[in-house]
N, C-alpha and C. Protein backbone atom coordinates (compact mmCIF):
# COMPACT_ATOMS: atom_id res chain seq x y z
N MET A 1 139.23 5.95 -74.97
CA MET A 1 140.12 6.65 -74.03
C MET A 1 141.25 5.69 -73.54
N ALA A 2 142.34 6.30 -73.15
CA ALA A 2 143.49 5.52 -72.70
C ALA A 2 143.43 5.45 -71.15
N LYS A 3 144.07 4.39 -70.63
CA LYS A 3 144.19 4.24 -69.16
C LYS A 3 145.57 4.54 -68.70
N PHE A 4 145.61 5.14 -67.55
CA PHE A 4 146.89 5.56 -66.96
C PHE A 4 146.90 5.12 -65.47
N LEU A 5 148.07 4.69 -64.99
CA LEU A 5 148.26 4.38 -63.63
C LEU A 5 149.14 5.53 -63.06
N PHE A 6 148.63 6.22 -62.06
CA PHE A 6 149.39 7.21 -61.32
C PHE A 6 149.76 6.64 -60.00
N GLU A 7 151.10 6.63 -59.80
CA GLU A 7 151.63 6.22 -58.47
C GLU A 7 151.90 7.48 -57.68
N ALA A 8 151.25 7.71 -56.61
CA ALA A 8 151.36 8.94 -55.80
C ALA A 8 152.19 8.72 -54.58
N LYS A 9 152.99 9.72 -54.28
CA LYS A 9 153.74 9.78 -53.02
C LYS A 9 153.49 11.09 -52.35
N TYR A 10 153.00 11.04 -51.12
CA TYR A 10 152.67 12.25 -50.37
C TYR A 10 153.86 12.65 -49.53
N ASN A 11 154.10 13.93 -49.46
CA ASN A 11 155.12 14.41 -48.53
C ASN A 11 154.43 14.60 -47.14
N ALA A 12 155.13 15.06 -46.15
CA ALA A 12 154.62 15.18 -44.78
C ALA A 12 153.34 15.98 -44.74
N GLU A 13 153.32 17.11 -45.39
CA GLU A 13 152.14 17.98 -45.39
C GLU A 13 150.97 17.29 -46.12
N GLY A 14 151.27 16.59 -47.20
CA GLY A 14 150.18 15.83 -47.89
C GLY A 14 149.58 14.72 -47.02
N ALA A 15 150.46 14.07 -46.26
CA ALA A 15 150.00 13.03 -45.36
C ALA A 15 149.14 13.56 -44.23
N LYS A 16 149.51 14.80 -43.73
CA LYS A 16 148.71 15.44 -42.73
C LYS A 16 147.34 15.79 -43.28
N ALA A 17 147.31 16.22 -44.53
CA ALA A 17 146.04 16.56 -45.12
C ALA A 17 145.11 15.29 -45.26
N ILE A 18 145.74 14.18 -45.64
CA ILE A 18 144.95 12.93 -45.75
C ILE A 18 144.39 12.56 -44.40
N ALA A 19 145.20 12.69 -43.36
CA ALA A 19 144.79 12.36 -41.99
C ALA A 19 143.63 13.23 -41.55
N ARG A 20 143.66 14.53 -41.94
CA ARG A 20 142.58 15.43 -41.65
C ARG A 20 141.29 15.20 -42.38
N GLU A 21 141.44 14.96 -43.71
CA GLU A 21 140.28 14.91 -44.57
C GLU A 21 139.74 13.45 -44.82
N GLY A 22 140.68 12.48 -44.66
CA GLY A 22 140.27 11.12 -44.87
C GLY A 22 140.56 10.62 -46.32
N GLY A 23 140.58 9.35 -46.48
CA GLY A 23 140.85 8.72 -47.78
C GLY A 23 139.75 8.90 -48.75
N SER A 24 138.53 8.81 -48.27
CA SER A 24 137.38 8.92 -49.21
C SER A 24 137.29 10.29 -49.84
N ALA A 25 137.70 11.33 -49.06
CA ALA A 25 137.71 12.68 -49.59
C ALA A 25 138.73 12.85 -50.67
N ARG A 26 139.90 12.16 -50.55
CA ARG A 26 140.91 12.19 -51.55
C ARG A 26 140.46 11.51 -52.80
N ARG A 27 139.80 10.38 -52.68
CA ARG A 27 139.26 9.69 -53.82
C ARG A 27 138.24 10.54 -54.57
N ALA A 28 137.39 11.20 -53.78
CA ALA A 28 136.38 12.09 -54.42
C ALA A 28 137.01 13.26 -55.16
N ALA A 29 138.09 13.79 -54.61
CA ALA A 29 138.82 14.92 -55.25
C ALA A 29 139.43 14.45 -56.60
N ILE A 30 139.99 13.26 -56.61
CA ILE A 30 140.65 12.76 -57.84
C ILE A 30 139.51 12.41 -58.85
N GLU A 31 138.40 11.90 -58.41
CA GLU A 31 137.27 11.59 -59.29
C GLU A 31 136.83 12.87 -59.99
N LYS A 32 136.72 13.95 -59.19
CA LYS A 32 136.29 15.23 -59.75
C LYS A 32 137.29 15.84 -60.70
N ALA A 33 138.57 15.67 -60.37
CA ALA A 33 139.64 16.15 -61.25
C ALA A 33 139.65 15.43 -62.58
N ALA A 34 139.49 14.12 -62.55
CA ALA A 34 139.44 13.32 -63.78
C ALA A 34 138.23 13.73 -64.63
N ALA A 35 137.12 13.89 -63.98
CA ALA A 35 135.90 14.27 -64.74
C ALA A 35 136.07 15.70 -65.35
N SER A 36 136.79 16.61 -64.68
CA SER A 36 136.92 17.95 -65.15
C SER A 36 137.68 18.02 -66.45
N VAL A 37 138.46 16.95 -66.82
CA VAL A 37 139.22 16.92 -68.04
C VAL A 37 138.67 15.85 -69.01
N GLY A 38 137.44 15.42 -68.77
CA GLY A 38 136.81 14.47 -69.68
C GLY A 38 137.19 13.00 -69.41
N GLY A 39 137.70 12.73 -68.21
CA GLY A 39 138.13 11.37 -67.84
C GLY A 39 137.23 10.74 -66.82
N ARG A 40 137.66 9.58 -66.35
CA ARG A 40 136.89 8.82 -65.37
C ARG A 40 137.87 8.08 -64.49
N LEU A 41 137.62 8.15 -63.14
CA LEU A 41 138.41 7.39 -62.17
C LEU A 41 137.92 5.97 -62.19
N GLU A 42 138.90 5.01 -62.40
CA GLU A 42 138.56 3.61 -62.37
C GLU A 42 138.73 3.01 -60.99
N SER A 43 139.94 3.30 -60.40
CA SER A 43 140.23 2.86 -59.03
C SER A 43 141.17 3.71 -58.36
N PHE A 44 141.02 3.72 -57.01
CA PHE A 44 141.92 4.52 -56.15
C PHE A 44 142.20 3.65 -54.92
N ASN A 45 143.46 3.33 -54.71
CA ASN A 45 143.85 2.47 -53.58
C ASN A 45 145.05 3.05 -52.87
N PHE A 46 144.99 3.17 -51.53
CA PHE A 46 146.13 3.52 -50.78
C PHE A 46 146.95 2.25 -50.57
N ALA A 47 148.22 2.41 -50.27
CA ALA A 47 149.17 1.29 -50.21
C ALA A 47 150.23 1.51 -49.09
N PHE A 48 150.84 0.45 -48.64
CA PHE A 48 152.03 0.50 -47.81
C PHE A 48 153.22 0.52 -48.72
N GLY A 49 154.35 0.96 -48.19
CA GLY A 49 155.60 0.90 -48.95
C GLY A 49 155.98 2.24 -49.54
N GLY A 50 156.71 2.21 -50.61
CA GLY A 50 157.26 3.43 -51.21
C GLY A 50 156.25 4.28 -51.95
N THR A 51 155.13 3.69 -52.36
CA THR A 51 154.07 4.38 -53.03
C THR A 51 152.88 4.45 -52.08
N ASP A 52 152.34 5.65 -51.93
CA ASP A 52 151.23 5.86 -51.00
C ASP A 52 149.86 5.58 -51.57
N ALA A 53 149.71 5.80 -52.89
CA ALA A 53 148.42 5.51 -53.56
C ALA A 53 148.65 5.06 -55.00
N PHE A 54 147.80 4.18 -55.47
CA PHE A 54 147.77 3.73 -56.89
C PHE A 54 146.44 4.18 -57.42
N VAL A 55 146.44 4.96 -58.47
CA VAL A 55 145.22 5.52 -59.07
C VAL A 55 145.14 5.15 -60.55
N ILE A 56 144.09 4.54 -60.99
CA ILE A 56 143.91 4.21 -62.38
C ILE A 56 142.80 5.09 -62.91
N VAL A 57 143.09 5.87 -63.95
CA VAL A 57 142.09 6.71 -64.61
C VAL A 57 142.01 6.49 -66.07
N GLU A 58 140.90 6.64 -66.65
CA GLU A 58 140.73 6.77 -68.11
C GLU A 58 140.73 8.22 -68.44
N LEU A 59 141.61 8.56 -69.40
CA LEU A 59 141.73 9.98 -69.84
C LEU A 59 141.75 10.00 -71.35
N PRO A 60 141.40 11.17 -71.92
CA PRO A 60 141.36 11.25 -73.39
C PRO A 60 142.66 10.98 -74.08
N ASP A 61 143.80 11.41 -73.50
CA ASP A 61 145.11 11.30 -74.19
C ASP A 61 146.23 11.58 -73.24
N ASN A 62 147.47 11.44 -73.81
CA ASN A 62 148.70 11.68 -73.07
C ASN A 62 148.77 13.09 -72.52
N VAL A 63 148.39 14.07 -73.31
CA VAL A 63 148.43 15.43 -72.92
C VAL A 63 147.61 15.69 -71.64
N THR A 64 146.39 15.07 -71.64
CA THR A 64 145.53 15.22 -70.44
C THR A 64 146.19 14.52 -69.26
N ALA A 65 146.80 13.41 -69.41
CA ALA A 65 147.49 12.70 -68.35
C ALA A 65 148.65 13.57 -67.83
N ALA A 66 149.38 14.20 -68.74
CA ALA A 66 150.46 15.11 -68.29
C ALA A 66 149.92 16.28 -67.49
N ALA A 67 148.77 16.84 -67.98
CA ALA A 67 148.12 17.95 -67.26
C ALA A 67 147.75 17.53 -65.84
N MET A 68 147.25 16.33 -65.67
CA MET A 68 146.88 15.82 -64.29
C MET A 68 148.14 15.69 -63.47
N ALA A 69 149.16 15.12 -63.98
CA ALA A 69 150.43 14.98 -63.22
C ALA A 69 151.00 16.34 -62.82
N ILE A 70 150.98 17.32 -63.73
CA ILE A 70 151.44 18.62 -63.43
C ILE A 70 150.61 19.26 -62.33
N ALA A 71 149.28 19.12 -62.43
CA ALA A 71 148.42 19.69 -61.37
C ALA A 71 148.74 19.14 -59.98
N VAL A 72 148.98 17.82 -59.93
CA VAL A 72 149.34 17.21 -58.64
C VAL A 72 150.67 17.73 -58.16
N GLY A 73 151.66 17.78 -59.07
CA GLY A 73 152.99 18.22 -58.68
C GLY A 73 153.02 19.67 -58.22
N GLN A 74 152.18 20.51 -58.85
CA GLN A 74 152.18 21.91 -58.53
C GLN A 74 151.57 22.16 -57.12
N SER A 75 150.86 21.21 -56.65
CA SER A 75 150.27 21.35 -55.26
C SER A 75 151.34 21.38 -54.22
N GLY A 76 152.47 20.74 -54.54
CA GLY A 76 153.56 20.70 -53.55
C GLY A 76 153.38 19.67 -52.48
N LEU A 77 152.22 18.94 -52.49
CA LEU A 77 151.94 18.01 -51.42
C LEU A 77 152.12 16.56 -51.88
N ALA A 78 152.26 16.30 -53.09
CA ALA A 78 152.42 14.96 -53.68
C ALA A 78 153.23 14.98 -54.90
N SER A 79 153.79 13.88 -55.28
CA SER A 79 154.42 13.66 -56.59
C SER A 79 153.86 12.46 -57.20
N THR A 80 153.93 12.35 -58.45
CA THR A 80 153.39 11.14 -59.16
C THR A 80 154.38 10.62 -60.19
N THR A 81 154.24 9.33 -60.43
CA THR A 81 154.80 8.66 -61.59
C THR A 81 153.69 8.17 -62.42
N THR A 82 153.74 8.43 -63.72
CA THR A 82 152.63 8.09 -64.58
C THR A 82 153.06 6.92 -65.48
N VAL A 83 152.14 5.88 -65.56
CA VAL A 83 152.36 4.76 -66.39
C VAL A 83 151.21 4.61 -67.36
N VAL A 84 151.56 4.55 -68.65
CA VAL A 84 150.51 4.32 -69.67
C VAL A 84 150.20 2.80 -69.63
N LEU A 85 148.89 2.47 -69.54
CA LEU A 85 148.48 1.07 -69.52
C LEU A 85 147.93 0.69 -70.88
N LEU A 86 148.25 -0.51 -71.31
CA LEU A 86 147.79 -1.05 -72.57
C LEU A 86 146.83 -2.21 -72.37
N THR A 87 145.82 -2.33 -73.18
CA THR A 87 144.94 -3.48 -73.09
C THR A 87 145.64 -4.66 -73.78
N PRO A 88 145.17 -5.93 -73.51
CA PRO A 88 145.73 -7.04 -74.29
C PRO A 88 145.60 -6.89 -75.77
N GLU A 89 144.52 -6.29 -76.25
CA GLU A 89 144.25 -6.11 -77.67
C GLU A 89 145.30 -5.10 -78.21
N GLU A 90 145.56 -4.08 -77.48
CA GLU A 90 146.60 -3.12 -77.93
C GLU A 90 147.94 -3.79 -78.03
N MET A 91 148.26 -4.68 -77.10
CA MET A 91 149.53 -5.46 -77.15
C MET A 91 149.50 -6.30 -78.39
N ASP A 92 148.36 -6.96 -78.65
CA ASP A 92 148.28 -7.80 -79.90
C ASP A 92 148.64 -7.00 -81.08
N ALA A 93 148.09 -5.81 -81.21
CA ALA A 93 148.35 -4.94 -82.34
C ALA A 93 149.84 -4.54 -82.39
N ALA A 94 150.41 -4.27 -81.23
CA ALA A 94 151.83 -3.83 -81.16
C ALA A 94 152.77 -4.93 -81.66
N VAL A 95 152.53 -6.15 -81.26
CA VAL A 95 153.40 -7.23 -81.66
C VAL A 95 153.31 -7.59 -83.16
N LYS A 96 152.29 -7.13 -83.79
CA LYS A 96 152.11 -7.36 -85.23
C LYS A 96 152.79 -6.27 -86.07
N LYS A 97 153.24 -5.19 -85.44
CA LYS A 97 153.95 -4.11 -86.19
C LYS A 97 155.34 -4.56 -86.54
N ASN A 98 155.74 -4.34 -87.79
CA ASN A 98 157.10 -4.59 -88.20
C ASN A 98 157.97 -3.41 -87.97
N VAL A 99 158.92 -3.53 -87.07
CA VAL A 99 159.81 -2.42 -86.72
C VAL A 99 161.26 -2.72 -87.24
N SER A 100 161.74 -1.77 -88.04
CA SER A 100 163.11 -1.91 -88.51
C SER A 100 164.04 -1.25 -87.50
N TYR A 101 164.73 -2.12 -86.68
CA TYR A 101 165.51 -1.61 -85.57
C TYR A 101 166.86 -2.21 -85.62
N ARG A 102 167.93 -1.43 -85.44
CA ARG A 102 169.31 -1.86 -85.32
C ARG A 102 169.77 -1.63 -83.92
N PRO A 103 170.11 -2.66 -83.13
CA PRO A 103 170.59 -2.44 -81.78
C PRO A 103 171.97 -1.72 -81.78
N PRO A 104 172.34 -1.11 -80.65
CA PRO A 104 173.66 -0.48 -80.58
C PRO A 104 174.75 -1.48 -80.91
N GLY A 105 175.68 -1.07 -81.76
CA GLY A 105 176.82 -1.93 -82.13
C GLY A 105 176.47 -2.97 -83.16
N GLY A 106 175.17 -3.09 -83.55
CA GLY A 106 174.73 -4.12 -84.45
C GLY A 106 174.78 -3.79 -85.89
């Protein structure tokens, strides 16, 4: 399975819901959502600054990650940025690939 980092930003109504239900309830909801599509929640952390929560999940594939992001966005209470995470071993394999690339103007 692949790992994804979701950076979540809550709007005012989403923040009110967090205040009502609590952070643990939000983590449990994300854990349930990930499991419903064959994934697993690895970590859920709230944060200060421009991003309200950082969520790392293992999901079967990119399509499943897109489905999760769409579900969050459709709620109207939060938006996400999705980052595909690579293991060091995946990076090892990537740097061994021979890519024929011509830069612009080159």
